Amino acid sequence: MPSKRRNAKHEARHEELTAIALDLFAERGYLDTRIKAIAKKAGINPALIYYYYKDKADLFRAAIVNLKGLVARYLGIDGSVAAPVRRKASKRASR
């Protein structure tokens, strides 16, 4: 059974990677952002990103979901309000 400390570290890594990815996606655009650039900015081996995410699209989705949560908290609304948006985005990405 994983420890709470390990889970917290895992979540912290997700938060860090999605924040870095979002910054680079905003700066360079999706197509010009490379996994290697995200890894370099995070100070990790690019292979570690694939431990957390299936591919760049999966990381992008996670970054957007994280952003949605931040915006919801900022606005003081329940993050589940936008759950249908997440399902629609997931369906579009799988096409």
PDB file of N, CA and C in Angstrom:
ATOM      1  N   MET A   1       0.846  -1.181   0.000  1.00  0.00           N
ATOM      2  CA  MET A   1       0.000   0.000   0.000  1.00  0.00           C
ATOM      3  C   MET A   1       0.892   1.246   0.000  1.00  0.00           C
ATOM      4  N   PRO A   2       0.696   2.143  -0.984  1.00  0.00           N
ATOM      5  CA  PRO A   2       1.526   3.349  -1.061  1.00  0.00           C
ATOM      6  C   PRO A   2       1.300   4.257   0.135  1.00  0.00           C
ATOM      7  N   SER A   3       2.363   4.876   0.566  1.00  0.00           N
ATOM      8  CA  SER A   3       2.259   5.773   1.711  1.00  0.00           C
ATOM      9  C   SER A   3       1.638   7.099   1.298  1.00  0.00           C
ATOM     10  N   LYS A   4       1.130   7.824   2.304  1.00  0.00           N
ATOM     11  CA  LYS A   4       0.558   9.147   2.037  1.00  0.00           C
ATOM     12  C   LYS A   4       1.629  10.097   1.518  1.00  0.00           C
ATOM     13  N   ARG A   5       2.850   9.919   2.028  1.00  0.00           N
ATOM     14  CA  ARG A   5       3.952  10.776   1.593  1.00  0.00           C
ATOM     15  C   ARG A   5       4.248  10.555   0.115  1.00  0.00           C
ATOM     16  N   ARG A   6       4.240   9.293  -0.307  1.00  0.00           N
ATOM     17  CA  ARG A   6       4.499   8.983  -1.714  1.00  0.00           C
ATOM     18  C   ARG A   6       3.390   9.543  -2.600  1.00  0.00           C
ATOM     19  N   ASN A   7       2.146   9.396  -2.157  1.00  0.00           N
ATOM     20  CA  ASN A   7       1.028   9.948  -2.922  1.00  0.00           C
ATOM     21  C   ASN A   7       1.119  11.464  -3.027  1.00  0.00           C
ATOM     22  N   ALA A   8       1.510  12.106  -1.949  1.00  0.00           N
ATOM     23  CA  ALA A   8       1.657  13.563  -1.962  1.00  0.00           C
ATOM     24  C   ALA A   8       2.768  13.975  -2.921  1.00  0.00           C
ATOM     25  N   LYS A   9       3.853  13.222  -2.924  1.00  0.00           N
ATOM     26  CA  LYS A   9       4.961  13.526  -3.840  1.00  0.00           C
ATOM     27  C   LYS A   9       4.521  13.322  -5.293  1.00  0.00           C
ATOM     28  N   HIS A  10       3.760  12.262  -5.524  1.00  0.00           N
ATOM     29  CA  HIS A  10       3.242  11.962  -6.868  1.00  0.00           C
ATOM     30  C   HIS A  10       2.332  13.099  -7.343  1.00  0.00           C
ATOM     31  N   GLU A  11       1.438  13.549  -6.467  1.00  0.00           N
ATOM     32  CA  GLU A  11       0.541  14.657  -6.808  1.00  0.00           C
ATOM     33  C   GLU A  11       1.312  15.946  -7.039  1.00  0.00           C
ATOM     34  N   ALA A  12       2.328  16.173  -6.230  1.00  0.00           N
ATOM     35  CA  ALA A  12       3.145  17.377  -6.399  1.00  0.00           C
ATOM     36  C   ALA A  12       3.849  17.367  -7.752  1.00  0.00           C
ATOM     37  N   ARG A  13       4.315  16.195  -8.174  1.00  0.00           N
ATOM     38  CA  ARG A  13       4.977  16.073  -9.480  1.00  0.00           C
ATOM     39  C   ARG A  13       3.980  16.358 -10.597  1.00  0.00           C
ATOM     40  N   HIS A  14       2.747  15.845 -10.467  1.00  0.00           N
ATOM     41  CA  HIS A  14       1.704  16.130 -11.463  1.00  0.00           C
ATOM     42  C   HIS A  14       1.458  17.637 -11.556  1.00  0.00           C
ATOM     43  N   GLU A  15       1.312  18.272 -10.411  1.00  0.00           N
ATOM     44  CA  GLU A  15       1.072  19.717 -10.384  1.00  0.00           C
ATOM     45  C   GLU A  15       2.214  20.470 -11.058  1.00  0.00           C
ATOM     46  N   GLU A  16       3.431  20.077 -10.743  1.00  0.00           N
ATOM     47  CA  GLU A  16       4.610  20.731 -11.313  1.00  0.00           C
ATOM     48  C   GLU A  16       4.656  20.554 -12.828  1.00  0.00           C
ATOM     49  N   LEU A  17       4.468  19.326 -13.285  1.00  0.00           N
ATOM     50  CA  LEU A  17       4.558  19.055 -14.723  1.00  0.00           C
ATOM     51  C   LEU A  17       3.446  19.747 -15.502  1.00  0.00           C
ATOM     52  N   THR A  18       2.233  19.739 -14.966  1.00  0.00           N
ATOM     53  CA  THR A  18       1.141  20.400 -15.696  1.00  0.00           C
ATOM     54  C   THR A  18       1.341  21.910 -15.728  1.00  0.00           C
ATOM     55  N   ALA A  19       1.866  22.473 -14.659  1.00  0.00           N
ATOM     56  CA  ALA A  19       2.118  23.924 -14.632  1.00  0.00           C
ATOM     57  C   ALA A  19       3.199  24.303 -15.641  1.00  0.00           C
ATOM     58  N   ILE A  20       4.276  23.533 -15.672  1.00  0.00           N
ATOM     59  CA  ILE A  20       5.361  23.796 -16.624  1.00  0.00           C
ATOM     60  C   ILE A  20       4.856  23.614 -18.052  1.00  0.00           C
ATOM     61  N   ALA A  21       4.127  22.530 -18.283  1.00  0.00           N
ATOM     62  CA  ALA A  21       3.600  22.267 -19.623  1.00  0.00           C
ATOM     63  C   ALA A  21       2.672  23.387 -20.067  1.00  0.00           C
ATOM     64  N   LEU A  22       1.799  23.827 -19.184  1.00  0.00           N
ATOM     65  CA  LEU A  22       0.859  24.894 -19.535  1.00  0.00           C
ATOM     66  C   LEU A  22       1.595  26.170 -19.908  1.00  0.00           C
ATOM     67  N   ASP A  23       2.634  26.495 -19.159  1.00  0.00           N
ATOM     68  CA  ASP A  23       3.440  27.679 -19.484  1.00  0.00           C
ATOM     69  C   ASP A  23       4.040  27.558 -20.881  1.00  0.00           C
ATOM     70  N   LEU A  24       4.613  26.402 -21.173  1.00  0.00           N
ATOM     71  CA  LEU A  24       5.248  26.224 -22.480  1.00  0.00           C
ATOM     72  C   LEU A  24       4.225  26.156 -23.614  1.00  0.00           C
ATOM     73  N   PHE A  25       3.088  25.503 -23.367  1.00  0.00           N
ATOM     74  CA  PHE A  25       2.037  25.461 -24.395  1.00  0.00           C
ATOM     75  C   PHE A  25       1.549  26.870 -24.703  1.00  0.00           C
ATOM     76  N   ALA A  26       1.399  27.692 -23.679  1.00  0.00           N
ATOM     77  CA  ALA A  26       0.939  29.072 -23.869  1.00  0.00           C
ATOM     78  C   ALA A  26       1.989  29.897 -24.606  1.00  0.00           C
ATOM     79  N   GLU A  27       3.244  29.667 -24.282  1.00  0.00           N
ATOM     80  CA  GLU A  27       4.341  30.428 -24.875  1.00  0.00           C
ATOM     81  C   GLU A  27       4.635  30.017 -26.320  1.00  0.00           C
ATOM     82  N   ARG A  28       4.679  28.712 -26.557  1.00  0.00           N
ATOM     83  CA  ARG A  28       5.116  28.189 -27.863  1.00  0.00           C
ATOM     84  C   ARG A  28       4.004  27.620 -28.721  1.00  0.00           C
ATOM     85  N   GLY A  29       2.871  27.306 -28.112  1.00  0.00           N
ATOM     86  CA  GLY A  29       1.810  26.610 -28.823  1.00  0.00           C
ATOM     87  C   GLY A  29       1.990  25.105 -28.666  1.00  0.00           C
ATOM     88  N   TYR A  30       0.913  24.387 -28.880  1.00  0.00           N
ATOM     89  CA  TYR A  30       0.938  22.927 -28.694  1.00  0.00           C
ATOM     90  C   TYR A  30       1.946  22.246 -29.618  1.00  0.00           C
ATOM     91  N   LEU A  31       1.887  22.561 -30.895  1.00  0.00           N
ATOM     92  CA  LEU A  31       2.737  21.861 -31.872  1.00  0.00           C
ATOM     93  C   LEU A  31       4.230  22.117 -31.669  1.00  0.00           C
ATOM     94  N   ASP A  32       4.584  23.297 -31.195  1.00  0.00           N
ATOM     95  CA  ASP A  32       5.999  23.634 -31.027  1.00  0.00           C
ATOM     96  C   ASP A  32       6.545  23.334 -29.631  1.00  0.00           C
ATOM     97  N   THR A  33       5.716  22.761 -28.782  1.00  0.00           N
ATOM     98  CA  THR A  33       6.176  22.377 -27.445  1.00  0.00           C
ATOM     99  C   THR A  33       6.560  20.911 -27.473  1.00  0.00           C
ATOM    100  N   ARG A  34       7.779  20.627 -27.087  1.00  0.00           N
ATOM    101  CA  ARG A  34       8.300  19.261 -27.086  1.00  0.00           C
ATOM    102  C   ARG A  34       8.370  18.728 -25.660  1.00  0.00           C
ATOM    103  N   ILE A  35       8.173  17.431 -25.535  1.00  0.00           N
ATOM    104  CA  ILE A  35       8.304  16.766 -24.236  1.00  0.00           C
ATOM    105  C   ILE A  35       9.691  17.038 -23.654  1.00  0.00           C
ATOM    106  N   LYS A  36      10.705  17.035 -24.502  1.00  0.00           N
ATOM    107  CA  LYS A  36      12.073  17.300 -24.032  1.00  0.00           C
ATOM    108  C   LYS A  36      12.183  18.679 -23.388  1.00  0.00           C
ATOM    109  N   ALA A  37      11.500  19.671 -23.947  1.00  0.00           N
ATOM    110  CA  ALA A  37      11.546  21.023 -23.390  1.00  0.00           C
ATOM    111  C   ALA A  37      10.853  21.073 -22.029  1.00  0.00           C
ATOM    112  N   ILE A  38       9.749  20.370 -21.905  1.00  0.00           N
ATOM    113  CA  ILE A  38       9.030  20.318 -20.627  1.00  0.00           C
ATOM    114  C   ILE A  38       9.914  19.644 -19.580  1.00  0.00           C
ATOM    115  N   ALA A  39      10.518  18.531 -19.963  1.00  0.00           N
ATOM    116  CA  ALA A  39      11.400  17.794 -19.049  1.00  0.00           C
ATOM    117  C   ALA A  39      12.599  18.638 -18.636  1.00  0.00           C
ATOM    118  N   LYS A  40      13.177  19.341 -19.595  1.00  0.00           N
ATOM    119  CA  LYS A  40      14.340  20.182 -19.291  1.00  0.00           C
ATOM    120  C   LYS A  40      13.983  21.260 -18.271  1.00  0.00           C
ATOM    121  N   LYS A  41      12.842  21.904 -18.486  1.00  0.00           N
ATOM    122  CA  LYS A  41      12.413  22.957 -17.565  1.00  0.00           C
ATOM    123  C   LYS A  41      12.102  22.385 -16.174  1.00  0.00           C
ATOM    124  N   ALA A  42      11.639  21.129 -16.137  1.00  0.00           N
ATOM    125  CA  ALA A  42      11.335  20.475 -14.859  1.00  0.00           C
ATOM    126  C   ALA A  42      12.581  19.879 -14.214  1.00  0.00           C
ATOM    127  N   GLY A  43      13.668  19.788 -14.997  1.00  0.00           N
ATOM    128  CA  GLY A  43      14.906  19.224 -14.471  1.00  0.00           C
ATOM    129  C   GLY A  43      14.862  17.715 -14.323  1.00  0.00           C
ATOM    130  N   ILE A  44      14.118  17.062 -15.231  1.00  0.00           N
ATOM    131  CA  ILE A  44      13.986  15.607 -15.174  1.00  0.00           C
ATOM    132  C   ILE A  44      14.290  14.990 -16.532  1.00  0.00           C
ATOM    133  N   ASN A  45      14.450  13.686 -16.554  1.00  0.00           N
ATOM    134  CA  ASN A  45      14.623  12.941 -17.787  1.00  0.00           C
ATOM    135  C   ASN A  45      13.281  12.899 -18.523  1.00  0.00           C
ATOM    136  N   PRO A  46      13.256  13.107 -19.836  1.00  0.00           N
ATOM    137  CA  PRO A  46      11.986  13.074 -20.579  1.00  0.00           C
ATOM    138  C   PRO A  46      11.208  11.770 -20.402  1.00  0.00           C
ATOM    139  N   ALA A  47      11.903  10.674 -20.178  1.00  0.00           N
ATOM    140  CA  ALA A  47      11.220   9.384 -19.996  1.00  0.00           C
ATOM    141  C   ALA A  47      10.301   9.402 -18.779  1.00  0.00           C
ATOM    142  N   LEU A  48      10.638  10.201 -17.776  1.00  0.00           N
ATOM    143  CA  LEU A  48       9.814  10.263 -16.571  1.00  0.00           C
ATOM    144  C   LEU A  48       8.435  10.847 -16.869  1.00  0.00           C
ATOM    145  N   ILE A  49       8.348  11.721 -17.838  1.00  0.00           N
ATOM    146  CA  ILE A  49       7.042  12.283 -18.199  1.00  0.00           C
ATOM    147  C   ILE A  49       6.113  11.180 -18.684  1.00  0.00           C
ATOM    148  N   TYR A  50       6.673  10.207 -19.401  1.00  0.00           N
ATOM    149  CA  TYR A  50       5.857   9.097 -19.899  1.00  0.00           C
ATOM    150  C   TYR A  50       5.448   8.135 -18.787  1.00  0.00           C
ATOM    151  N   TYR A  51       6.063   8.249 -17.625  1.00  0.00           N
ATOM    152  CA  TYR A  51       5.611   7.487 -16.460  1.00  0.00           C
ATOM    153  C   TYR A  51       4.279   8.057 -15.975  1.00  0.00           C
ATOM    154  N   TYR A  52       4.147   9.357 -16.066  1.00  0.00           N
ATOM    155  CA  TYR A  52       2.947  10.042 -15.585  1.00  0.00           C
ATOM    156  C   TYR A  52       1.872  10.202 -16.656  1.00  0.00           C
ATOM    157  N   TYR A  53       2.276  10.358 -17.905  1.00  0.00           N
ATOM    158  CA  TYR A  53       1.327  10.652 -18.990  1.00  0.00           C
ATOM    159  C   TYR A  53       1.597   9.756 -20.186  1.00  0.00           C
ATOM    160  N   LYS A  54       0.520   9.385 -20.871  1.00  0.00           N
ATOM    161  CA  LYS A  54       0.621   8.495 -22.033  1.00  0.00           C
ATOM    162  C   LYS A  54       1.420   9.147 -23.161  1.00  0.00           C
ATOM    163  N   ASP A  55       1.149  10.417 -23.417  1.00  0.00           N
ATOM    164  CA  ASP A  55       1.801  11.142 -24.508  1.00  0.00           C
ATOM    165  C   ASP A  55       1.599  12.641 -24.284  1.00  0.00           C
ATOM    166  N   LYS A  56       2.021  13.437 -25.236  1.00  0.00           N
ATOM    167  CA  LYS A  56       1.905  14.893 -25.099  1.00  0.00           C
ATOM    168  C   LYS A  56       0.446  15.323 -25.007  1.00  0.00           C
ATOM    169  N   ALA A  57      -0.427  14.683 -25.750  1.00  0.00           N
ATOM    170  CA  ALA A  57      -1.846  15.037 -25.709  1.00  0.00           C
ATOM    171  C   ALA A  57      -2.433  14.773 -24.320  1.00  0.00           C
ATOM    172  N   ASP A  58      -2.021  13.681 -23.698  1.00  0.00           N
ATOM    173  CA  ASP A  58      -2.489  13.356 -22.355  1.00  0.00           C
ATOM    174  C   ASP A  58      -2.009  14.407 -21.347  1.00  0.00           C
ATOM    175  N   LEU A  59      -0.762  14.835 -21.482  1.00  0.00           N
ATOM    176  CA  LEU A  59      -0.221  15.886 -20.620  1.00  0.00           C
ATOM    177  C   LEU A  59      -0.964  17.207 -20.856  1.00  0.00           C
ATOM    178  N   PHE A  60      -1.258  17.512 -22.108  1.00  0.00           N
ATOM    179  CA  PHE A  60      -2.008  18.726 -22.435  1.00  0.00           C
ATOM    180  C   PHE A  60      -3.384  18.700 -21.775  1.00  0.00           C
ATOM    181  N   ARG A  61      -4.087  17.552 -21.898  1.00  0.00           N
ATOM    182  CA  ARG A  61      -5.404  17.427 -21.264  1.00  0.00           C
ATOM    183  C   ARG A  61      -5.298  17.626 -19.757  1.00  0.00           C
ATOM    184  N   ALA A  62      -4.297  17.006 -19.141  1.00  0.00           N
ATOM    185  CA  ALA A  62      -4.105  17.145 -17.691  1.00  0.00           C
ATOM    186  C   ALA A  62      -3.835  18.598 -17.318  1.00  0.00           C
ATOM    187  N   ALA A  63      -3.062  19.296 -18.138  1.00  0.00           N
ATOM    188  CA  ALA A  63      -2.760  20.707 -17.868  1.00  0.00           C
ATOM    189  C   ALA A  63      -4.027  21.550 -17.950  1.00  0.00           C
ATOM    190  N   ILE A  64      -4.880  21.263 -18.914  1.00  0.00           N
ATOM    191  CA  ILE A  64      -6.129  22.020 -19.070  1.00  0.00           C
ATOM    192  C   ILE A  64      -7.075  21.721 -17.907  1.00  0.00           C
ATOM    193  N   VAL A  65      -7.167  20.454 -17.504  1.00  0.00           N
ATOM    194  CA  VAL A  65      -8.016  20.093 -16.369  1.00  0.00           C
ATOM    195  C   VAL A  65      -7.509  20.783 -15.107  1.00  0.00           C
ATOM    196  N   ASN A  66      -6.198  20.807 -14.930  1.00  0.00           N
ATOM    197  CA  ASN A  66      -5.610  21.494 -13.776  1.00  0.00           C
ATOM    198  C   ASN A  66      -5.936  22.992 -13.819  1.00  0.00           C
ATOM    199  N   LEU A  67      -5.833  23.586 -14.992  1.00  0.00           N
ATOM    200  CA  LEU A  67      -6.166  24.995 -15.153  1.00  0.00           C
ATOM    201  C   LEU A  67      -7.634  25.240 -14.832  1.00  0.00           C
ATOM    202  N   LYS A  68      -8.496  24.351 -15.286  1.00  0.00           N
ATOM    203  CA  LYS A  68      -9.928  24.471 -15.009  1.00  0.00           C
ATOM    204  C   LYS A  68     -10.175  24.477 -13.507  1.00  0.00           C
ATOM    205  N   GLY A  69      -9.473  23.611 -12.791  1.00  0.00           N
ATOM    206  CA  GLY A  69      -9.612  23.565 -11.338  1.00  0.00           C
ATOM    207  C   GLY A  69      -9.137  24.845 -10.676  1.00  0.00           C
ATOM    208  N   LEU A  70      -8.021  25.383 -11.169  1.00  0.00           N
ATOM    209  CA  LEU A  70      -7.509  26.640 -10.623  1.00  0.00           C
ATOM    210  C   LEU A  70      -8.492  27.780 -10.853  1.00  0.00           C
ATOM    211  N   VAL A  71      -9.058  27.837 -12.048  1.00  0.00           N
ATOM    212  CA  VAL A  71     -10.030  28.891 -12.373  1.00  0.00           C
ATOM    213  C   VAL A  71     -11.284  28.729 -11.509  1.00  0.00           C
ATOM    214  N   ALA A  72     -11.740  27.486 -11.347  1.00  0.00           N
ATOM    215  CA  ALA A  72     -12.930  27.235 -10.527  1.00  0.00           C
ATOM    216  C   ALA A  72     -12.691  27.675  -9.085  1.00  0.00           C
ATOM    217  N   ARG A  73     -11.516  27.354  -8.548  1.00  0.00           N
ATOM    218  CA  ARG A  73     -11.202  27.781  -7.175  1.00  0.00           C
ATOM    219  C   ARG A  73     -11.136  29.304  -7.092  1.00  0.00           C
ATOM    220  N   TYR A  74     -10.546  29.928  -8.099  1.00  0.00           N
ATOM    221  CA  TYR A  74     -10.429  31.387  -8.117  1.00  0.00           C
ATOM    222  C   TYR A  74     -11.813  32.039  -8.136  1.00  0.00           C
ATOM    223  N   LEU A  75     -12.697  31.461  -8.917  1.00  0.00           N
ATOM    224  CA  LEU A  75     -14.044  32.013  -9.029  1.00  0.00           C
ATOM    225  C   LEU A  75     -14.950  31.570  -7.888  1.00  0.00           C
ATOM    226  N   GLY A  76     -14.468  30.624  -7.078  1.00  0.00           N
ATOM    227  CA  GLY A  76     -15.253  30.147  -5.951  1.00  0.00           C
ATOM    228  C   GLY A  76     -16.410  29.268  -6.352  1.00  0.00           C
ATOM    229  N   ILE A  77     -16.241  28.513  -7.448  1.00  0.00           N
ATOM    230  CA  ILE A  77     -17.301  27.601  -7.873  1.00  0.00           C
ATOM    231  C   ILE A  77     -16.830  26.166  -7.726  1.00  0.00           C
ATOM    232  N   ASP A  78     -17.773  25.265  -7.710  1.00  0.00           N
ATOM    233  CA  ASP A  78     -17.466  23.839  -7.614  1.00  0.00           C
ATOM    234  C   ASP A  78     -16.845  23.390  -8.927  1.00  0.00           C
ATOM    235  N   GLY A  79     -15.683  22.760  -8.870  1.00  0.00           N
ATOM    236  CA  GLY A  79     -14.991  22.302 -10.068  1.00  0.00           C
ATOM    237  C   GLY A  79     -15.775  21.293 -10.878  1.00  0.00           C
ATOM    238  N   SER A  80     -16.740  20.612 -10.247  1.00  0.00           N
ATOM    239  CA  SER A  80     -17.520  19.606 -10.973  1.00  0.00           C
ATOM    240  C   SER A  80     -18.494  20.236 -11.964  1.00  0.00           C
ATOM    241  N   VAL A  81     -18.700  21.546 -11.861  1.00  0.00           N
ATOM    242  CA  VAL A  81     -19.589  22.249 -12.794  1.00  0.00           C
ATOM    243  C   VAL A  81     -19.114  22.054 -14.225  1.00  0.00           C
ATOM    244  N   ALA A  82     -17.803  21.990 -14.419  1.00  0.00           N
ATOM    245  CA  ALA A  82     -17.244  21.866 -15.762  1.00  0.00           C
ATOM    246  C   ALA A  82     -16.962  20.417 -16.148  1.00  0.00           C
ATOM    247  N   ALA A  83     -17.432  19.442 -15.361  1.00  0.00           N
ATOM    248  CA  ALA A  83     -17.183  18.032 -15.674  1.00  0.00           C
ATOM    249  C   ALA A  83     -17.678  17.647 -17.074  1.00  0.00           C
ATOM    250  N   PRO A  84     -18.844  18.119 -17.520  1.00  0.00           N
ATOM    251  CA  PRO A  84     -19.277  17.776 -18.886  1.00  0.00           C
ATOM    252  C   PRO A  84     -18.289  18.263 -19.951  1.00  0.00           C
ATOM    253  N   VAL A  85     -17.625  19.377 -19.709  1.00  0.00           N
ATOM    254  CA  VAL A  85     -16.634  19.894 -20.656  1.00  0.00           C
ATOM    255  C   VAL A  85     -15.481  18.913 -20.760  1.00  0.00           C
ATOM    256  N   ARG A  86     -15.048  18.348 -19.630  1.00  0.00           N
ATOM    257  CA  ARG A  86     -13.947  17.392 -19.618  1.00  0.00           C
ATOM    258  C   ARG A  86     -14.331  16.154 -20.432  1.00  0.00           C
ATOM    259  N   ARG A  87     -15.569  15.673 -20.278  1.00  0.00           N
ATOM    260  CA  ARG A  87     -16.001  14.489 -21.029  1.00  0.00           C
ATOM    261  C   ARG A  87     -16.027  14.772 -22.533  1.00  0.00           C
ATOM    262  N   LYS A  88     -16.514  15.946 -22.921  1.00  0.00           N
ATOM    263  CA  LYS A  88     -16.559  16.300 -24.334  1.00  0.00           C
ATOM    264  C   LYS A  88     -15.155  16.420 -24.912  1.00  0.00           C
ATOM    265  N   ALA A  89     -14.252  17.036 -24.176  1.00  0.00           N
ATOM    266  CA  ALA A  89     -12.876  17.187 -24.648  1.00  0.00           C
ATOM    267  C   ALA A  89     -12.221  15.831 -24.807  1.00  0.00           C
ATOM    268  N   SER A  90     -12.498  14.923 -23.886  1.00  0.00           N
ATOM    269  CA  SER A  90     -11.928  13.577 -23.960  1.00  0.00           C
ATOM    270  C   SER A  90     -12.452  12.839 -25.192  1.00  0.00           C
ATOM    271  N   LYS A  91     -13.744  12.993 -25.480  1.00  0.00           N
ATOM    272  CA  LYS A  91     -14.321  12.343 -26.659  1.00  0.00           C
ATOM    273  C   LYS A  91     -13.711  12.899 -27.942  1.00  0.00           C
ATOM    274  N   ARG A  92     -13.520  14.220 -28.005  1.00  0.00           N
ATOM    275  CA  ARG A  92     -12.935  14.831 -29.194  1.00  0.00           C
ATOM    276  C   ARG A  92     -11.494  14.366 -29.392  1.00  0.00           C
ATOM    277  N   ALA A  93     -10.747  14.269 -28.326  1.00  0.00           N
ATOM    278  CA  ALA A  93      -9.346  13.881 -28.413  1.00  0.00           C
ATOM    279  C   ALA A  93      -9.200  12.436 -28.871  1.00  0.00           C
ATOM    280  N   SER A  94     -10.180  11.603 -28.589  1.00  0.00           N
ATOM    281  CA  SER A  94     -10.069  10.195 -28.960  1.00  0.00           C
ATOM    282  C   SER A  94     -10.484   9.936 -30.400  1.00  0.00           C
ATOM    283  N   ARG A  95     -10.969  10.950 -31.095  1.00  0.00           N
ATOM    284  CA  ARG A  95     -11.396  10.760 -32.499  1.00  0.00           C
ATOM    285  C   ARG A  95     -10.229  10.600 -33.412  1.00  0.00           C
TER     286      ARG A  95
END
